[in-house]
Amino acid sequence: MPNTPTELPLTTSDDADHPQVTSDEIRVMVERFYEHARDDELLGPIFAQRVDDWDTHYDTMTRFWSSAVLRAGTYSGRPIEKHRIEGLTTQHFVNWVERFSDVVTQEFGPERSAVFIELSKRMAASIAMRIGIGGVDQALAKPA
């Protein structure tokens, strides 16, 4: 059966072309991503201001990505509301996707990272649009 937008390649462990990642691997990727994001000139100050307990945030984001990619069903939350932050711009979302793409590719390699990167781009554009920030999809479509 071909992949469609609702069939994610990492949801089946017997697919040799898309070896499955584990929640433990996702946790490592999440921690590495936030190490990089906290150093970003636009993203770092936002995370410093809004995240008090990094272990809890890592747990939440691990559940989020495990649910999004592995369909683990472990995340429940209101991601749109969490992103209603005064002063966010298109560039914040672009930086987030760029840092995320770099880290996920380093952690999982090109094949296993593809689904994460595609989802991150779609989520960034959707969240931005829903909170009134336009142009993220066009900015992400531009060649690097």
Protein backbone atom coordinates (compact mmCIF):
# COMPACT_ATOMS: atom_id res chain seq x y z
CA MET A 1 0.00 0.00 0.00
CA PRO A 2 1.56 3.36 -0.96
CA ASN A 3 2.25 6.05 1.59
CA THR A 4 -0.44 8.69 1.80
CA PRO A 5 -0.41 11.76 4.04
CA THR A 6 -2.03 9.67 6.81
CA GLU A 7 0.26 6.63 6.41
CA LEU A 8 3.60 7.45 7.95
CA PRO A 9 6.56 5.33 6.86
CA LEU A 10 7.89 4.80 10.39
CA THR A 11 4.72 3.26 11.73
CA THR A 12 5.54 -0.26 10.56
CA SER A 13 8.58 -2.05 11.90
CA ASP A 14 8.78 -4.58 9.04
CA ASP A 15 9.40 -1.99 6.33
CA ALA A 16 13.09 -2.35 5.45
CA ASP A 17 13.12 0.91 3.47
CA HIS A 18 11.94 2.89 6.51
CA PRO A 19 13.31 1.28 9.67
CA GLN A 20 11.30 2.26 12.69
CA VAL A 21 12.61 4.57 15.35
CA THR A 22 11.89 3.99 19.02
CA SER A 23 10.54 6.34 21.65
CA ASP A 24 13.93 6.18 23.35
CA GLU A 25 15.60 7.39 20.15
CA ILE A 26 13.01 10.13 19.86
CA ARG A 27 13.81 11.22 23.41
CA VAL A 28 17.52 11.57 22.55
CA MET A 29 16.62 13.54 19.40
CA VAL A 30 14.31 15.84 21.40
CA GLU A 31 17.03 16.61 23.94
CA ARG A 32 19.61 17.25 21.20
CA PHE A 33 17.17 19.52 19.34
CA TYR A 34 16.56 21.70 22.38
CA GLU A 35 20.30 21.95 23.04
CA HIS A 36 20.57 23.54 19.60
CA ALA A 37 17.34 25.55 19.80
CA ARG A 38 18.39 27.13 23.08
CA ASP A 39 21.51 28.46 21.32
CA ASP A 40 19.47 30.01 18.50
CA GLU A 41 19.31 33.81 18.72
CA LEU A 42 15.54 33.89 18.04
CA LEU A 43 14.40 30.65 19.66
CA GLY A 44 16.65 30.57 22.70
CA PRO A 45 15.10 33.54 24.53
CA ILE A 46 11.58 32.20 23.98
CA PHE A 47 12.42 28.79 25.42
CA ALA A 48 14.34 30.38 28.30
CA GLN A 49 11.28 32.47 29.14
CA ARG A 50 8.65 29.75 28.75
CA VAL A 51 10.22 26.45 29.87
CA ASP A 52 10.82 26.08 33.59
CA ASP A 53 11.27 22.31 33.80
CA TRP A 54 13.26 20.88 30.91
CA ASP A 55 12.75 17.23 31.89
CA THR A 56 8.98 17.70 31.81
CA HIS A 57 9.25 19.51 28.48
CA TYR A 58 11.40 16.70 27.05
CA ASP A 59 8.83 14.16 28.26
CA THR A 60 5.99 16.11 26.65
CA MET A 61 7.80 16.53 23.34
CA THR A 62 8.86 12.88 23.30
CA ARG A 63 5.22 11.89 23.74
CA PHE A 64 4.24 14.39 21.03
CA TRP A 65 6.69 13.07 18.42
CA SER A 66 6.06 9.44 19.39
CA SER A 67 2.36 10.02 18.87
CA ALA A 68 2.85 11.93 15.61
CA VAL A 69 5.28 9.49 14.01
CA LEU A 70 4.76 6.15 15.76
CA ARG A 71 1.08 6.70 16.52
CA ALA A 72 1.80 5.88 20.14
CA GLY A 73 -1.21 7.83 21.37
CA THR A 74 0.71 9.14 24.37
CA TYR A 75 0.34 12.88 23.77
CA SER A 76 -2.55 15.09 24.70
CA GLY A 77 -2.23 18.81 24.74
CA ARG A 78 -3.06 22.12 23.13
CA PRO A 79 -0.11 22.92 20.86
CA ILE A 80 -1.79 25.88 19.15
CA GLU A 81 -2.34 27.66 22.47
CA LYS A 82 1.27 27.03 23.52
CA HIS A 83 2.43 28.90 20.41
CA ARG A 84 0.35 32.04 20.91
CA ILE A 85 3.37 34.11 21.89
CA GLU A 86 3.55 37.82 21.25
CA GLY A 87 6.33 38.71 18.86
CA LEU A 88 6.62 35.42 17.00
CA THR A 89 7.46 35.86 13.33
CA THR A 90 7.80 33.72 10.24
CA GLN A 91 11.54 33.58 10.90
CA HIS A 92 10.98 31.93 14.30
CA PHE A 93 9.19 29.07 12.58
CA VAL A 94 11.81 28.85 9.83
CA ASN A 95 14.61 28.70 12.41
CA TRP A 96 12.73 26.02 14.33
CA VAL A 97 12.30 23.84 11.24
CA GLU A 98 15.91 24.35 10.15
CA ARG A 99 17.35 23.44 13.58
CA PHE A 100 14.94 20.52 13.92
CA SER A 101 15.77 19.21 10.43
CA ASP A 102 19.50 19.39 11.13
CA VAL A 103 19.25 17.51 14.41
CA VAL A 104 16.79 14.86 13.26
CA THR A 105 18.96 14.16 10.20
CA GLN A 106 22.06 13.84 12.40
CA GLU A 107 20.26 11.50 14.78
CA PHE A 108 18.30 9.33 12.34
CA GLY A 109 19.98 9.72 8.96
CA PRO A 110 18.26 10.86 5.77
CA GLU A 111 15.75 8.02 5.40
CA ARG A 112 14.44 7.87 8.94
CA SER A 113 14.44 11.66 9.32
CA ALA A 114 12.30 12.36 6.24
CA VAL A 115 8.96 11.79 7.97
CA PHE A 116 9.96 14.00 10.91
CA ILE A 117 11.08 16.80 8.61
CA GLU A 118 7.94 16.66 6.48
CA LEU A 119 5.73 16.69 9.58
CA SER A 120 7.70 19.55 11.13
CA LYS A 121 7.22 21.68 8.03
CA ARG A 122 3.50 20.97 7.86
CA MET A 123 3.05 21.60 11.58
CA ALA A 124 5.05 24.83 11.52
CA ALA A 125 3.01 26.21 8.62
CA SER A 126 -0.28 25.10 10.17
CA ILE A 127 0.45 26.42 13.65
CA ALA A 128 1.74 29.72 12.27
CA MET A 129 -1.34 30.15 10.10
CA ARG A 130 -3.69 29.33 13.01
CA ILE A 131 -2.05 31.97 15.21
CA GLY A 132 -2.07 34.61 12.48
CA ILE A 133 1.45 34.37 11.08
CA GLY A 134 1.54 33.94 7.34
CA GLY A 135 4.22 33.02 4.86
CA VAL A 136 5.82 30.13 6.73
CA ASP A 137 4.94 27.58 4.05
CA GLN A 138 6.43 29.81 1.33
CA ALA A 139 9.54 30.52 3.40
CA LEU A 140 10.08 26.80 3.99
CA ALA A 141 9.61 26.04 0.28
CA LYS A 142 12.54 28.27 -0.71
CA PRO A 143 15.79 26.46 -1.45
CA ALA A 144 18.34 26.70 1.34
